């Protein structure tokens, strides 16, 4: 069921990312809604479904931006594998760990994006990228973390009920 939900959710998120989120910019940073959705979905989803979400989310985000096709997928896939590897060693996931995943994912995605933009001749200096892109984006990700996590978790609980629980 998560595969079927990914297409409309991620396309709407990518459209919002390219149309509404630039209006919320502080300095050069804005919320990365697609990254946030992909990472939060991956925490409780099976690995193959999380990879599908990362691939589809990255492609939909790149299709509506100036980034080369597939560049957003790289950072998302790296974080998916990291999240799944770490989740195997944990008994329970709490909001502090989720915030850590989102912060780390945002940092990795921003670094990869800045490297690709630098290779295209459009990148910022390291200091400017840190001050004007990374820090405001991290702030926004933390602001949107709890509401988006609650929505994602509610959807996942509805489509994947626990064994022995009543609907």
N, C-alpha and C. Protein backbone atom coordinates (compact mmCIF):
# COMPACT_ATOMS: atom_id res chain seq x y z
N UNK A 1 0.82 -1.20 0.00
CA UNK A 1 0.00 0.00 0.00
C UNK A 1 0.86 1.26 0.00
N UNK A 2 2.02 1.19 0.66
CA UNK A 2 2.91 2.34 0.72
C UNK A 2 3.44 2.74 -0.64
N UNK A 3 3.57 1.75 -1.54
CA UNK A 3 4.02 2.05 -2.89
C UNK A 3 2.99 2.92 -3.62
N UNK A 4 1.73 2.58 -3.44
CA UNK A 4 0.67 3.31 -4.13
C UNK A 4 0.50 4.72 -3.58
N UNK A 5 0.73 4.88 -2.30
CA UNK A 5 0.62 6.21 -1.69
C UNK A 5 1.79 7.11 -2.06
N UNK A 6 2.92 6.52 -2.39
CA UNK A 6 4.12 7.32 -2.62
C UNK A 6 3.97 8.26 -3.81
N UNK A 7 3.37 7.80 -4.87
CA UNK A 7 3.26 8.64 -6.07
C UNK A 7 2.48 9.92 -5.83
N UNK A 8 1.24 9.88 -5.33
CA UNK A 8 0.55 11.16 -5.13
C UNK A 8 1.18 12.02 -4.03
N UNK A 9 1.62 11.39 -2.95
CA UNK A 9 2.19 12.16 -1.84
C UNK A 9 3.46 12.87 -2.28
N UNK A 10 4.36 12.16 -2.95
CA UNK A 10 5.64 12.77 -3.32
C UNK A 10 5.51 13.76 -4.47
N UNK A 11 4.58 13.54 -5.37
CA UNK A 11 4.39 14.51 -6.46
C UNK A 11 3.80 15.81 -5.90
N UNK A 12 2.84 15.69 -5.01
CA UNK A 12 2.29 16.89 -4.36
C UNK A 12 3.36 17.60 -3.55
N UNK A 13 4.17 16.83 -2.82
CA UNK A 13 5.24 17.43 -2.02
C UNK A 13 6.27 18.13 -2.90
N UNK A 14 6.63 17.52 -4.02
CA UNK A 14 7.59 18.14 -4.94
C UNK A 14 7.01 19.41 -5.56
N UNK A 15 5.73 19.38 -5.88
CA UNK A 15 5.08 20.59 -6.43
C UNK A 15 5.06 21.70 -5.38
N UNK A 16 4.73 21.36 -4.14
CA UNK A 16 4.77 22.36 -3.06
C UNK A 16 6.20 22.85 -2.84
N UNK A 17 7.15 21.92 -2.95
CA UNK A 17 8.56 22.26 -2.76
C UNK A 17 9.03 23.31 -3.77
N UNK A 18 8.55 23.18 -4.99
CA UNK A 18 9.02 24.11 -6.01
C UNK A 18 8.17 25.37 -6.14
N UNK A 19 6.95 25.36 -5.59
CA UNK A 19 6.09 26.53 -5.76
C UNK A 19 5.86 27.32 -4.47
N UNK A 20 5.52 26.65 -3.39
CA UNK A 20 5.17 27.34 -2.14
C UNK A 20 6.38 27.55 -1.24
N UNK A 21 7.21 26.53 -1.11
CA UNK A 21 8.33 26.61 -0.16
C UNK A 21 9.33 27.73 -0.46
N UNK A 22 9.58 28.08 -1.72
CA UNK A 22 10.47 29.22 -1.95
C UNK A 22 9.95 30.54 -1.37
N UNK A 23 8.64 30.62 -1.16
CA UNK A 23 8.06 31.82 -0.54
C UNK A 23 8.38 31.89 0.94
N UNK A 24 8.76 30.77 1.54
CA UNK A 24 9.07 30.71 2.97
C UNK A 24 10.56 30.84 3.25
N UNK A 25 11.33 31.20 2.27
CA UNK A 25 12.79 31.25 2.42
C UNK A 25 13.22 32.26 3.48
N UNK A 26 14.19 31.81 4.28
CA UNK A 26 14.95 32.70 5.15
C UNK A 26 16.37 32.58 4.64
N UNK A 27 16.97 33.70 4.28
CA UNK A 27 18.28 33.70 3.62
C UNK A 27 18.16 32.81 2.38
N UNK A 28 18.91 31.72 2.28
CA UNK A 28 18.82 30.85 1.12
C UNK A 28 18.18 29.52 1.44
N UNK A 29 17.76 29.32 2.68
CA UNK A 29 17.23 28.03 3.07
C UNK A 29 15.72 28.00 3.07
N UNK A 30 15.19 26.85 2.77
CA UNK A 30 13.74 26.63 2.79
C UNK A 30 13.51 25.19 3.23
N UNK A 31 12.32 24.88 3.68
CA UNK A 31 12.05 23.49 4.07
C UNK A 31 12.18 22.55 2.88
N UNK A 32 12.76 21.40 3.12
CA UNK A 32 12.86 20.37 2.09
C UNK A 32 11.82 19.31 2.41
N UNK A 33 10.61 19.55 1.94
CA UNK A 33 9.47 18.71 2.27
C UNK A 33 9.62 17.29 1.75
N UNK A 34 10.15 17.14 0.56
CA UNK A 34 10.32 15.80 -0.03
C UNK A 34 11.31 14.99 0.80
N UNK A 35 12.44 15.58 1.14
CA UNK A 35 13.42 14.87 1.97
C UNK A 35 12.82 14.49 3.32
N UNK A 36 12.09 15.40 3.91
CA UNK A 36 11.46 15.13 5.20
C UNK A 36 10.47 13.97 5.10
N UNK A 37 9.64 13.96 4.08
CA UNK A 37 8.68 12.87 3.90
C UNK A 37 9.38 11.53 3.67
N UNK A 38 10.39 11.54 2.82
CA UNK A 38 11.10 10.29 2.52
C UNK A 38 11.78 9.74 3.76
N UNK A 39 12.47 10.58 4.50
CA UNK A 39 13.17 10.10 5.69
C UNK A 39 12.21 9.63 6.77
N UNK A 40 11.14 10.36 6.98
CA UNK A 40 10.19 9.96 8.01
C UNK A 40 9.43 8.70 7.63
N UNK A 41 9.15 8.52 6.35
CA UNK A 41 8.49 7.29 5.92
C UNK A 41 9.43 6.09 6.10
N UNK A 42 10.70 6.30 5.80
CA UNK A 42 11.67 5.21 5.84
C UNK A 42 11.91 4.66 7.23
N UNK A 43 11.67 5.44 8.25
CA UNK A 43 11.96 5.00 9.62
C UNK A 43 11.17 3.75 9.98
N UNK A 44 9.91 3.68 9.60
CA UNK A 44 9.06 2.56 9.98
C UNK A 44 8.65 1.67 8.80
N UNK A 45 9.16 1.93 7.62
CA UNK A 45 8.79 1.15 6.43
C UNK A 45 9.84 0.08 6.15
N UNK A 46 9.46 -0.95 5.42
CA UNK A 46 10.45 -1.94 4.98
C UNK A 46 11.48 -1.30 4.06
N UNK A 47 12.66 -1.90 3.97
CA UNK A 47 13.77 -1.32 3.20
C UNK A 47 13.40 -1.12 1.74
N UNK A 48 12.81 -2.12 1.10
CA UNK A 48 12.50 -1.97 -0.33
C UNK A 48 11.50 -0.84 -0.58
N UNK A 49 10.56 -0.65 0.31
CA UNK A 49 9.60 0.45 0.17
C UNK A 49 10.28 1.80 0.42
N UNK A 50 11.18 1.86 1.38
CA UNK A 50 11.91 3.10 1.67
C UNK A 50 12.79 3.49 0.49
N UNK A 51 13.42 2.52 -0.15
CA UNK A 51 14.23 2.80 -1.34
C UNK A 51 13.36 3.33 -2.46
N UNK A 52 12.18 2.73 -2.65
CA UNK A 52 11.25 3.21 -3.67
C UNK A 52 10.85 4.65 -3.41
N UNK A 53 10.54 4.98 -2.15
CA UNK A 53 10.18 6.35 -1.78
C UNK A 53 11.34 7.30 -2.06
N UNK A 54 12.56 6.90 -1.71
CA UNK A 54 13.72 7.77 -1.94
C UNK A 54 13.94 8.00 -3.43
N UNK A 55 13.83 6.95 -4.21
CA UNK A 55 14.04 7.07 -5.65
C UNK A 55 12.97 7.96 -6.29
N UNK A 56 11.72 7.68 -5.99
CA UNK A 56 10.62 8.46 -6.56
C UNK A 56 10.64 9.90 -6.06
N UNK A 57 10.92 10.10 -4.77
CA UNK A 57 10.98 11.45 -4.22
C UNK A 57 12.11 12.26 -4.82
N UNK A 58 13.27 11.65 -4.97
CA UNK A 58 14.40 12.35 -5.57
C UNK A 58 14.16 12.73 -7.01
N UNK A 59 13.58 11.79 -7.78
CA UNK A 59 13.29 12.09 -9.18
C UNK A 59 12.24 13.18 -9.32
N UNK A 60 11.19 13.10 -8.52
CA UNK A 60 10.14 14.13 -8.63
C UNK A 60 10.66 15.49 -8.21
N UNK A 61 11.55 15.52 -7.23
CA UNK A 61 12.14 16.79 -6.81
C UNK A 61 13.07 17.34 -7.89
N UNK A 62 13.86 16.48 -8.51
CA UNK A 62 14.79 16.94 -9.55
C UNK A 62 14.07 17.38 -10.82
N UNK A 63 12.95 16.76 -11.13
CA UNK A 63 12.21 17.16 -12.32
C UNK A 63 11.67 18.58 -12.21
N UNK A 64 11.45 19.05 -10.99
CA UNK A 64 10.90 20.39 -10.78
C UNK A 64 11.93 21.39 -10.28
N UNK A 65 13.21 21.07 -10.43
CA UNK A 65 14.27 21.98 -9.99
C UNK A 65 15.35 22.06 -11.06
N UNK A 66 16.39 22.84 -10.78
CA UNK A 66 17.49 22.99 -11.73
C UNK A 66 18.55 21.90 -11.57
N UNK A 67 18.38 21.05 -10.60
CA UNK A 67 19.35 20.00 -10.35
C UNK A 67 19.31 18.95 -11.45
N UNK A 68 20.46 18.35 -11.77
CA UNK A 68 20.45 17.25 -12.74
C UNK A 68 19.61 16.08 -12.24
N UNK A 69 18.96 15.41 -13.14
CA UNK A 69 18.06 14.31 -12.80
C UNK A 69 18.83 13.21 -12.06
N UNK A 70 18.35 12.86 -10.89
CA UNK A 70 18.96 11.80 -10.09
C UNK A 70 19.87 12.29 -8.98
N UNK A 71 20.18 13.58 -8.95
CA UNK A 71 21.13 14.06 -7.93
C UNK A 71 20.53 14.06 -6.53
N UNK A 72 19.24 14.30 -6.40
CA UNK A 72 18.62 14.26 -5.07
C UNK A 72 18.48 12.83 -4.56
N UNK A 73 18.41 11.89 -5.47
CA UNK A 73 18.27 10.49 -5.09
C UNK A 73 19.49 10.02 -4.31
N UNK A 74 20.66 10.51 -4.65
CA UNK A 74 21.91 10.05 -4.04
C UNK A 74 21.88 10.27 -2.53
N UNK A 75 21.62 11.49 -2.10
CA UNK A 75 21.60 11.78 -0.67
C UNK A 75 20.50 11.04 0.06
N UNK A 76 19.35 10.92 -0.58
CA UNK A 76 18.23 10.21 0.06
C UNK A 76 18.54 8.73 0.25
N UNK A 77 19.13 8.10 -0.76
CA UNK A 77 19.47 6.69 -0.63
C UNK A 77 20.54 6.44 0.43
N UNK A 78 21.51 7.32 0.49
CA UNK A 78 22.54 7.19 1.53
C UNK A 78 21.89 7.22 2.91
N UNK A 79 20.97 8.14 3.10
CA UNK A 79 20.31 8.24 4.41
C UNK A 79 19.39 7.06 4.68
N UNK A 80 18.72 6.54 3.67
CA UNK A 80 17.84 5.39 3.86
C UNK A 80 18.66 4.19 4.37
N UNK A 81 19.78 3.93 3.74
CA UNK A 81 20.60 2.80 4.16
C UNK A 81 21.16 3.02 5.56
N UNK A 82 21.53 4.25 5.88
CA UNK A 82 22.02 4.56 7.22
C UNK A 82 20.91 4.35 8.26
N UNK A 83 19.73 4.85 7.98
CA UNK A 83 18.59 4.71 8.90
C UNK A 83 18.26 3.23 9.12
N UNK A 84 18.19 2.47 8.06
CA UNK A 84 17.84 1.06 8.18
C UNK A 84 18.92 0.27 8.91
N UNK A 85 20.16 0.60 8.68
CA UNK A 85 21.27 -0.09 9.36
C UNK A 85 21.23 0.21 10.86
N UNK A 86 21.01 1.45 11.20
CA UNK A 86 20.95 1.83 12.60
C UNK A 86 19.69 1.30 13.28
N UNK A 87 18.59 1.25 12.55
CA UNK A 87 17.33 0.76 13.12
C UNK A 87 17.40 -0.71 13.49
N UNK A 88 18.23 -1.48 12.81
CA UNK A 88 18.37 -2.89 13.15
C UNK A 88 18.96 -3.09 14.54
N UNK A 89 19.71 -2.10 15.01
CA UNK A 89 20.37 -2.21 16.30
C UNK A 89 19.58 -1.57 17.43
N UNK A 90 18.44 -0.96 17.12
CA UNK A 90 17.65 -0.27 18.12
C UNK A 90 16.34 -1.00 18.37
N UNK A 91 15.89 -0.92 19.60
CA UNK A 91 14.62 -1.55 19.95
C UNK A 91 13.45 -0.62 19.64
N UNK A 92 13.62 0.64 19.94
CA UNK A 92 12.52 1.60 19.78
C UNK A 92 13.07 2.92 19.22
N UNK A 93 12.26 3.57 18.41
CA UNK A 93 12.64 4.86 17.83
C UNK A 93 11.86 5.95 18.57
N UNK A 94 12.59 6.97 19.06
CA UNK A 94 11.92 8.09 19.72
C UNK A 94 12.12 9.37 18.91
N UNK A 95 11.48 10.42 19.32
CA UNK A 95 11.49 11.67 18.55
C UNK A 95 12.88 12.30 18.49
N UNK A 96 13.71 12.08 19.50
CA UNK A 96 15.07 12.63 19.48
C UNK A 96 15.89 11.93 18.39
N UNK A 97 15.73 10.63 18.27
CA UNK A 97 16.42 9.89 17.23
C UNK A 97 15.90 10.29 15.84
N UNK A 98 14.61 10.49 15.73
CA UNK A 98 14.02 10.93 14.47
C UNK A 98 14.57 12.31 14.08
N UNK A 99 14.67 13.21 15.06
CA UNK A 99 15.25 14.53 14.79
C UNK A 99 16.70 14.40 14.34
N UNK A 100 17.43 13.50 14.95
CA UNK A 100 18.83 13.26 14.55
C UNK A 100 18.91 12.76 13.11
N UNK A 101 18.01 11.83 12.76
CA UNK A 101 17.97 11.34 11.37
C UNK A 101 17.71 12.48 10.40
N UNK A 102 16.74 13.32 10.73
CA UNK A 102 16.37 14.42 9.84
C UNK A 102 17.51 15.43 9.73
N UNK A 103 18.14 15.76 10.84
CA UNK A 103 19.25 16.70 10.79
C UNK A 103 20.41 16.14 9.97
N UNK A 104 20.76 14.88 10.22
CA UNK A 104 21.85 14.27 9.47
C UNK A 104 21.49 14.14 7.99
N UNK A 105 20.26 13.76 7.70
CA UNK A 105 19.82 13.65 6.31
C UNK A 105 19.86 14.98 5.59
N UNK A 106 19.47 16.03 6.28
CA UNK A 106 19.50 17.37 5.68
C UNK A 106 20.93 17.81 5.41
N UNK A 107 21.82 17.52 6.34
CA UNK A 107 23.23 17.88 6.14
C UNK A 107 23.81 17.13 4.95
N UNK A 108 23.57 15.81 4.88
CA UNK A 108 24.09 15.01 3.77
C UNK A 108 23.51 15.50 2.45
N UNK A 109 22.21 15.74 2.41
CA UNK A 109 21.57 16.20 1.18
C UNK A 109 22.10 17.56 0.75
N UNK A 110 22.29 18.47 1.69
CA UNK A 110 22.80 19.79 1.36
C UNK A 110 24.23 19.72 0.84
N UNK A 111 25.06 18.90 1.46
CA UNK A 111 26.45 18.75 1.01
C UNK A 111 26.49 18.19 -0.41
N UNK A 112 25.70 17.15 -0.67
CA UNK A 112 25.68 16.56 -2.01
C UNK A 112 25.16 17.56 -3.04
N UNK A 113 24.12 18.29 -2.68
CA UNK A 113 23.57 19.29 -3.59
C UNK A 113 24.60 20.38 -3.88
N UNK A 114 25.29 20.85 -2.87
CA UNK A 114 26.28 21.90 -3.06
C UNK A 114 27.46 21.41 -3.91
N UNK A 115 27.86 20.15 -3.73
CA UNK A 115 28.94 19.59 -4.55
C UNK A 115 28.51 19.54 -6.01
N UNK A 116 27.29 19.08 -6.27
CA UNK A 116 26.80 19.00 -7.64
C UNK A 116 26.67 20.40 -8.26
N UNK A 117 26.15 21.35 -7.48
CA UNK A 117 26.06 22.72 -8.00
C UNK A 117 27.44 23.31 -8.25
N UNK A 118 28.41 22.99 -7.39
CA UNK A 118 29.78 23.47 -7.59
C UNK A 118 30.36 22.90 -8.88
N UNK A 119 30.11 21.61 -9.13
CA UNK A 119 30.60 20.99 -10.36
C UNK A 119 29.94 21.57 -11.60
N UNK A 120 28.73 22.09 -11.44
CA UNK A 120 28.03 22.74 -12.55
C UNK A 120 28.44 24.21 -12.70
N UNK A 121 29.25 24.70 -11.76
CA UNK A 121 29.67 26.10 -11.80
C UNK A 121 28.70 27.05 -11.14
N UNK A 122 27.77 26.52 -10.34
CA UNK A 122 26.75 27.34 -9.72
C UNK A 122 26.83 27.34 -8.20
N UNK A 123 27.81 26.69 -7.63
CA UNK A 123 27.87 26.50 -6.19
C UNK A 123 28.29 27.74 -5.42
N UNK A 124 28.00 27.72 -4.13
CA UNK A 124 28.40 28.77 -3.21
C UNK A 124 29.70 28.37 -2.53
N UNK A 125 30.33 29.31 -1.87
CA UNK A 125 31.49 28.96 -1.06
C UNK A 125 31.01 28.16 0.15
N UNK A 126 31.92 27.47 0.81
CA UNK A 126 31.55 26.62 1.94
C UNK A 126 30.89 27.44 3.05
N UNK A 127 31.46 28.59 3.35
CA UNK A 127 30.90 29.44 4.39
C UNK A 127 29.51 29.96 4.05
N UNK A 128 29.33 30.38 2.81
CA UNK A 128 28.01 30.87 2.38
C UNK A 128 26.98 29.76 2.36
N UNK A 129 27.37 28.58 1.90
CA UNK A 129 26.44 27.45 1.88
C UNK A 129 26.02 27.07 3.30
N UNK A 130 26.96 27.12 4.22
CA UNK A 130 26.65 26.80 5.61
C UNK A 130 25.70 27.84 6.21
N UNK A 131 26.05 29.11 6.02
CA UNK A 131 25.28 30.19 6.64
C UNK A 131 23.94 30.46 5.98
N UNK A 132 23.90 30.43 4.67
CA UNK A 132 22.69 30.86 3.97
C UNK A 132 21.80 29.72 3.47
N UNK A 133 22.31 28.50 3.46
CA UNK A 133 21.49 27.38 2.99
C UNK A 133 21.29 26.36 4.10
N UNK A 134 22.37 25.83 4.64
CA UNK A 134 22.26 24.73 5.60
C UNK A 134 21.58 25.13 6.90
N UNK A 135 21.99 26.19 7.53
CA UNK A 135 21.43 26.57 8.83
C UNK A 135 19.94 26.91 8.74
N UNK A 136 19.50 27.74 7.78
CA UNK A 136 18.05 27.98 7.69
C UNK A 136 17.26 26.72 7.34
N UNK A 137 17.82 25.86 6.50
CA UNK A 137 17.12 24.63 6.14
C UNK A 137 16.99 23.71 7.35
N UNK A 138 18.04 23.61 8.16
CA UNK A 138 17.96 22.80 9.38
C UNK A 138 16.89 23.34 10.32
N UNK A 139 16.81 24.65 10.44
CA UNK A 139 15.78 25.27 11.28
C UNK A 139 14.39 24.87 10.80
N UNK A 140 14.15 25.00 9.50
CA UNK A 140 12.85 24.66 8.94
C UNK A 140 12.53 23.17 9.11
N UNK A 141 13.52 22.33 8.91
CA UNK A 141 13.28 20.89 9.06
C UNK A 141 12.83 20.56 10.48
N UNK A 142 13.43 21.20 11.46
CA UNK A 142 13.03 20.96 12.85
C UNK A 142 11.64 21.52 13.15
N UNK A 143 11.29 22.63 12.52
CA UNK A 143 9.95 23.20 12.72
C UNK A 143 8.88 22.28 12.14
N UNK A 144 9.12 21.74 10.96
CA UNK A 144 8.14 20.90 10.28
C UNK A 144 8.20 19.43 10.72
N UNK A 145 9.19 19.05 11.48
CA UNK A 145 9.41 17.65 11.84
C UNK A 145 8.21 17.02 12.55
N UNK A 146 7.77 17.59 13.63
CA UNK A 146 6.71 16.96 14.44
C UNK A 146 5.39 16.87 13.68
N UNK A 147 4.88 17.94 13.05
CA UNK A 147 3.61 17.78 12.34
C UNK A 147 3.68 16.76 11.19
N UNK A 148 4.75 16.79 10.43
CA UNK A 148 4.87 15.85 9.31
C UNK A 148 5.03 14.43 9.84
N UNK A 149 5.79 14.24 10.91
CA UNK A 149 5.98 12.91 11.49
C UNK A 149 4.65 12.35 11.99
N UNK A 150 3.84 13.17 12.63
CA UNK A 150 2.55 12.70 13.13
C UNK A 150 1.63 12.27 11.98
N UNK A 151 1.63 13.01 10.89
CA UNK A 151 0.81 12.65 9.74
C UNK A 151 1.32 11.34 9.11
N UNK A 152 2.62 11.26 8.88
CA UNK A 152 3.21 10.07 8.28
C UNK A 152 2.97 8.85 9.15
N UNK A 153 3.18 8.99 10.45
CA UNK A 153 3.00 7.86 11.37
C UNK A 153 1.54 7.43 11.42
N UNK A 154 0.61 8.38 11.36
CA UNK A 154 -0.80 8.04 11.32
C UNK A 154 -1.17 7.26 10.07
N UNK A 155 -0.64 7.67 8.93
CA UNK A 155 -0.89 6.96 7.67
C UNK A 155 -0.31 5.54 7.75
N UNK A 156 0.92 5.42 8.25
CA UNK A 156 1.54 4.11 8.33
C UNK A 156 0.79 3.18 9.29
N UNK A 157 0.31 3.70 10.39
CA UNK A 157 -0.45 2.87 11.33
C UNK A 157 -1.78 2.43 10.72
N UNK A 158 -2.36 3.26 9.86
CA UNK A 158 -3.62 2.90 9.22
C UNK A 158 -3.43 1.81 8.16
N UNK A 159 -2.34 1.87 7.42
CA UNK A 159 -2.15 0.89 6.35
C UNK A 159 -1.38 -0.35 6.80
N UNK A 160 -0.64 -0.24 7.89
CA UNK A 160 0.11 -1.38 8.42
C UNK A 160 -0.26 -1.59 9.89
N UNK A 161 -1.45 -2.11 10.18
CA UNK A 161 -1.80 -2.31 11.59
C UNK A 161 -0.91 -3.37 12.22
N UNK A 162 -0.69 -3.21 13.51
CA UNK A 162 0.13 -4.18 14.24
C UNK A 162 -0.61 -5.51 14.32
N UNK A 163 0.13 -6.62 14.32
CA UNK A 163 -0.51 -7.92 14.45
C UNK A 163 -1.25 -8.01 15.80
N UNK A 164 -2.46 -8.51 15.76
CA UNK A 164 -3.24 -8.66 16.98
C UNK A 164 -4.02 -7.43 17.39
N UNK A 165 -3.87 -6.33 16.67
CA UNK A 165 -4.62 -5.11 17.02
C UNK A 165 -5.90 -5.05 16.21
N UNK A 166 -6.90 -4.40 16.76
CA UNK A 166 -8.17 -4.23 16.07
C UNK A 166 -8.16 -2.94 15.26
N UNK A 167 -8.84 -2.96 14.14
CA UNK A 167 -8.92 -1.76 13.30
C UNK A 167 -9.97 -0.83 13.77
